[in-house]
Amino acid sequence: MSISNPIPMTILLVEDDEVDIMNVKRAFKKNNISNPLVIAHNGLEALEILRSTATDAPKPRIVLLDLNMPRMGGIEFLKEIRQDAELSSLSVFIMTTSNEDSDKIEAFNLNVAGYILKPLSMDRFIAAVSTLKSYWTLCEYPE
């Protein structure tokens, strides 16, 4: 990375399954993604991270979100951030095992940027993460 590049965008992974967290980290490594990755294990934890004013670290702009989690699931979390003026512009990608049309419809009605079905094979998952990297590398975000 050259010195002229901006600081890489922080990504928030909201996932309760440790194996899936490791798979995301592995896919990031395989794709040479060096973006800071912050992990929350449910929607409530994710909201705490996003709303925290205690840190100088850059706030995540991209969220990789599982739907099925304890305490606060993905759809509930999405509804919450879409109603919050400070958080409503976050780019959210769903990464879930749910292939239910009702989940897909609800997620897209809440303006998700994409819906990725897991478990893909590790090779397909690495390719999906590569596509995500292309997306957030190409997109321009306001300061």
Protein backbone atom coordinates (compact mmCIF):
# COMPACT_ATOMS: atom_id res chain seq x y z
CA MET A 1 0.00 0.00 0.00
CA SER A 2 1.47 3.33 -1.00
CA ILE A 3 1.52 6.27 1.35
CA SER A 4 -0.88 8.23 -0.87
CA ASN A 5 -3.71 5.69 -0.35
CA PRO A 6 -6.38 6.63 2.17
CA ILE A 7 -6.79 4.60 5.33
CA PRO A 8 -8.56 1.32 4.42
CA MET A 9 -12.24 1.26 5.25
CA THR A 10 -13.16 -0.52 8.49
CA ILE A 11 -15.54 -3.45 8.07
CA LEU A 12 -17.88 -4.73 10.77
CA LEU A 13 -18.61 -8.46 10.76
CA VAL A 14 -21.76 -9.30 12.75
CA GLU A 15 -21.58 -13.08 13.19
CA ASP A 16 -22.12 -15.42 16.16
CA ASP A 17 -20.51 -18.56 14.69
CA GLU A 18 -16.76 -18.82 15.36
CA VAL A 19 -16.19 -21.13 12.35
CA ASP A 20 -17.84 -18.57 10.05
CA ILE A 21 -15.72 -15.79 11.61
CA MET A 22 -12.58 -17.83 10.87
CA ASN A 23 -13.80 -18.46 7.29
CA VAL A 24 -14.27 -14.72 6.72
CA LYS A 25 -10.79 -14.02 8.10
CA ARG A 26 -9.35 -16.77 5.86
CA ALA A 27 -11.17 -15.38 2.80
CA PHE A 28 -9.86 -11.87 3.61
CA LYS A 29 -6.31 -13.22 3.84
CA LYS A 30 -6.63 -15.16 0.55
CA ASN A 31 -7.87 -11.99 -1.15
CA ASN A 32 -5.17 -9.79 0.41
CA ILE A 33 -7.82 -7.69 2.13
CA SER A 34 -6.10 -5.64 4.79
CA ASN A 35 -9.12 -3.61 5.86
CA PRO A 36 -9.54 -3.51 9.63
CA LEU A 37 -12.17 -6.10 10.63
CA VAL A 38 -14.23 -5.47 13.76
CA ILE A 39 -16.31 -8.38 15.06
CA ALA A 40 -19.64 -8.29 16.89
CA HIS A 41 -21.38 -11.51 17.93
CA ASN A 42 -24.96 -10.16 17.67
CA GLY A 43 -26.92 -7.08 16.65
CA LEU A 44 -26.82 -5.45 20.10
CA GLU A 45 -23.04 -5.73 20.24
CA ALA A 46 -22.84 -4.29 16.71
CA LEU A 47 -25.00 -1.30 17.68
CA GLU A 48 -22.76 -0.65 20.70
CA ILE A 49 -19.70 -0.61 18.42
CA LEU A 50 -21.37 1.63 15.82
CA ARG A 51 -22.77 4.07 18.39
CA SER A 52 -19.69 4.20 20.62
CA THR A 53 -18.08 7.61 20.92
CA ALA A 54 -15.27 6.32 23.13
CA THR A 55 -12.82 5.53 20.36
CA ASP A 56 -10.92 7.53 17.75
CA ALA A 57 -10.84 4.50 15.43
CA PRO A 58 -12.66 5.01 12.11
CA LYS A 59 -16.27 3.87 12.24
CA PRO A 60 -17.15 0.91 10.02
CA ARG A 61 -18.77 1.89 6.70
CA ILE A 62 -19.46 -1.68 5.55
CA VAL A 63 -21.29 -4.37 7.51
CA LEU A 64 -21.20 -8.10 6.79
CA LEU A 65 -24.30 -9.35 8.59
CA ASP A 66 -25.56 -12.79 9.56
CA LEU A 67 -29.34 -13.05 10.00
CA ASN A 68 -29.67 -15.81 12.60
CA MET A 69 -28.08 -14.65 15.86
CA PRO A 70 -28.99 -14.60 19.55
CA ARG A 71 -30.15 -11.45 21.41
CA MET A 72 -30.72 -9.39 18.24
CA GLY A 73 -30.89 -10.99 14.81
CA GLY A 74 -29.88 -9.47 11.50
CA ILE A 75 -33.27 -8.19 10.32
CA GLU A 76 -33.93 -6.54 13.69
CA PHE A 77 -30.45 -4.95 13.54
CA LEU A 78 -31.10 -3.73 9.97
CA LYS A 79 -34.41 -2.13 10.99
CA GLU A 80 -32.63 -0.38 13.85
CA ILE A 81 -29.79 1.08 11.77
CA ARG A 82 -32.10 2.14 8.91
CA GLN A 83 -34.08 4.26 11.43
CA ASP A 84 -30.90 5.86 12.83
CA ALA A 85 -29.82 9.00 10.92
CA GLU A 86 -26.17 8.42 11.88
CA LEU A 87 -26.13 4.79 10.67
CA SER A 88 -28.72 4.62 7.89
CA SER A 89 -26.17 5.03 5.09
CA LEU A 90 -24.07 1.98 6.03
CA SER A 91 -23.52 -0.54 3.22
CA VAL A 92 -24.79 -3.88 4.51
CA PHE A 93 -24.18 -7.26 2.92
CA ILE A 94 -26.10 -10.22 4.30
CA MET A 95 -24.07 -13.44 4.70
CA THR A 96 -26.43 -16.14 5.92
CA THR A 97 -27.57 -19.75 5.66
CA SER A 98 -31.19 -18.57 5.20
CA ASN A 99 -32.42 -19.22 1.67
CA GLU A 100 -35.96 -18.13 2.62
CA ASP A 101 -37.57 -15.75 0.13
CA SER A 102 -39.18 -13.87 3.04
CA ASP A 103 -35.72 -13.12 4.51
CA LYS A 104 -34.40 -12.00 1.12
CA ILE A 105 -37.41 -9.74 0.49
CA GLU A 106 -37.23 -8.22 3.97
CA ALA A 107 -33.46 -7.67 3.66
CA PHE A 108 -33.74 -5.97 0.26
CA ASN A 109 -36.67 -3.86 1.51
CA LEU A 110 -34.20 -2.63 4.15
CA ASN A 111 -31.73 -1.58 1.43
CA VAL A 112 -29.03 -4.24 1.70
CA ALA A 113 -26.26 -4.03 -0.87
CA GLY A 114 -26.22 -7.80 -1.38
CA TYR A 115 -27.37 -11.19 -0.07
CA ILE A 116 -24.77 -13.96 0.02
CA LEU A 117 -25.81 -17.50 0.82
CA LYS A 118 -23.50 -19.63 2.95
CA PRO A 119 -22.15 -22.23 3.24
CA LEU A 120 -20.56 -21.86 -0.12
CA SER A 121 -17.55 -24.06 -0.72
CA MET A 122 -14.45 -22.31 0.60
CA ASP A 123 -13.35 -21.57 -2.99
CA ARG A 124 -16.73 -20.01 -3.84
CA PHE A 125 -16.73 -18.10 -0.57
CA ILE A 126 -13.25 -16.70 -1.32
CA ALA A 127 -14.53 -15.67 -4.78
CA ALA A 128 -17.60 -14.00 -3.22
CA VAL A 129 -15.38 -12.04 -0.83
CA SER A 130 -13.19 -11.04 -3.78
CA THR A 131 -16.28 -9.56 -5.44
CA LEU A 132 -17.09 -7.68 -2.24
CA LYS A 133 -13.56 -6.30 -2.21
CA SER A 134 -14.04 -5.05 -5.78
CA TYR A 135 -17.31 -3.39 -4.75
CA TRP A 136 -15.98 -1.47 -1.77
CA THR A 137 -12.75 -0.60 -3.59
CA LEU A 138 -14.69 0.90 -6.52
CA CYS A 139 -17.31 2.76 -4.48
CA GLU A 140 -16.73 6.34 -3.44
CA TYR A 141 -17.93 7.24 0.03
CA PRO A 142 -18.36 10.73 1.46
CA GLU A 143 -15.88 11.80 4.13
